[in-house]
Protein backbone atom coordinates (compact mmCIF):
# COMPACT_ATOMS: atom_id res chain seq x y z
CA UNK A 1 -5.82 18.30 -19.78
CA UNK A 2 -9.42 19.45 -19.57
CA UNK A 3 -10.11 21.72 -16.57
CA UNK A 4 -12.14 19.96 -13.88
CA UNK A 5 -14.91 22.58 -13.87
CA UNK A 6 -15.42 22.06 -17.63
CA UNK A 7 -15.54 18.27 -17.24
CA UNK A 8 -17.99 18.39 -14.34
CA UNK A 9 -20.24 20.84 -16.20
CA UNK A 10 -20.31 18.52 -19.20
CA UNK A 11 -21.11 15.51 -17.01
CA UNK A 12 -23.93 17.44 -15.32
CA UNK A 13 -25.57 18.80 -18.46
CA UNK A 14 -24.82 16.38 -21.32
CA UNK A 15 -27.82 14.03 -21.70
CA UNK A 16 -25.63 11.42 -23.43
CA UNK A 17 -23.66 11.02 -20.21
CA UNK A 18 -26.76 10.64 -18.02
CA UNK A 19 -26.72 6.84 -18.34
CA UNK A 20 -23.18 6.57 -16.95
CA UNK A 21 -22.16 6.19 -13.30
CA UNK A 22 -19.61 8.76 -12.21
CA UNK A 23 -17.43 8.85 -9.09
CA UNK A 24 -15.21 11.70 -7.99
CA UNK A 25 -12.01 11.25 -6.00
CA UNK A 26 -11.04 14.27 -3.93
CA UNK A 27 -8.10 15.01 -1.65
CA UNK A 28 -9.07 14.93 2.02
CA UNK A 29 -6.86 17.27 4.04
CA UNK A 30 -7.58 15.47 7.33
CA UNK A 31 -6.88 11.87 6.30
CA UNK A 32 -4.29 12.84 3.63
CA UNK A 33 -5.79 10.48 1.07
CA UNK A 34 -8.12 10.52 -1.90
CA UNK A 35 -11.72 9.81 -0.89
CA UNK A 36 -14.42 8.87 -3.40
CA UNK A 37 -18.06 9.84 -3.76
CA UNK A 38 -20.73 9.05 -6.31
CA UNK A 39 -21.69 12.06 -8.36
CA UNK A 40 -25.28 11.60 -7.18
CA UNK A 41 -24.16 12.27 -3.58
CA UNK A 42 -22.80 15.69 -4.50
CA UNK A 43 -24.73 18.95 -4.25
CA UNK A 44 -23.55 21.85 -6.39
CA UNK A 45 -22.91 25.05 -4.45
CA UNK A 46 -25.07 27.72 -6.09
CA UNK A 47 -23.34 30.49 -4.13
CA UNK A 48 -19.85 29.44 -5.20
CA UNK A 49 -19.50 27.60 -8.52
CA UNK A 50 -15.93 26.52 -7.65
CA UNK A 51 -17.14 24.23 -4.84
CA UNK A 52 -19.37 21.22 -4.39
CA UNK A 53 -21.01 20.07 -1.18
CA UNK A 54 -20.85 16.57 0.22
CA UNK A 55 -22.33 15.08 3.39
CA UNK A 56 -20.14 12.41 4.98
CA UNK A 57 -21.26 9.16 6.62
CA UNK A 58 -21.62 10.95 9.97
CA UNK A 59 -24.03 13.51 8.50
CA UNK A 60 -21.49 16.35 8.48
CA UNK A 61 -21.63 18.63 5.42
CA UNK A 62 -18.38 19.66 3.71
CA UNK A 63 -17.74 22.22 0.97
CA UNK A 64 -14.99 20.93 -1.27
CA UNK A 65 -13.21 23.18 -3.78
CA UNK A 66 -12.74 21.85 -7.28
CA UNK A 67 -8.95 22.17 -6.99
CA UNK A 68 -9.02 19.23 -4.55
CA UNK A 69 -10.62 16.90 -7.11
CA UNK A 70 -7.96 14.34 -8.09
CA UNK A 71 -9.88 11.72 -10.11
CA UNK A 72 -13.06 11.23 -12.10
CA UNK A 73 -14.30 7.73 -12.86
CA UNK A 74 -16.94 6.76 -15.44
CA UNK A 75 -18.51 3.31 -15.16
CA UNK A 76 -15.45 2.06 -13.26
CA UNK A 77 -12.85 3.48 -15.66
CA UNK A 78 -10.56 6.38 -14.74
CA UNK A 79 -11.21 9.20 -17.25
CA UNK A 80 -9.47 12.16 -15.58
CA UNK A 81 -6.65 12.45 -13.03
CA UNK A 82 -4.23 14.93 -11.51
CA UNK A 83 -1.73 14.71 -8.67
CA UNK A 84 -0.08 17.93 -7.56
CA UNK A 85 3.38 17.74 -6.07
CA UNK A 86 3.08 16.60 -2.47
CA UNK A 87 -0.71 16.34 -2.73
CA UNK A 88 -1.15 18.95 -0.04
CA UNK A 89 -3.94 21.04 -1.51
């Protein structure tokens, strides 16, 4: 399986992928479920390349480590997925 940081870097920088719509599913430790966000809603953390930043519907910013990413969707199709045992990352 391709490491998530490699996949996200390719999505960010490959001009051939720019026309596609990407969504990321990440494990939320509070709700204990996978939440989804459009790639365009994500800000890349320049200080820590292993995290991305996301602002929720209430305007609260969250830094999310890449190891909590569980799914990547491209134009509505699941292209990458992982589910650790117990999903308690």
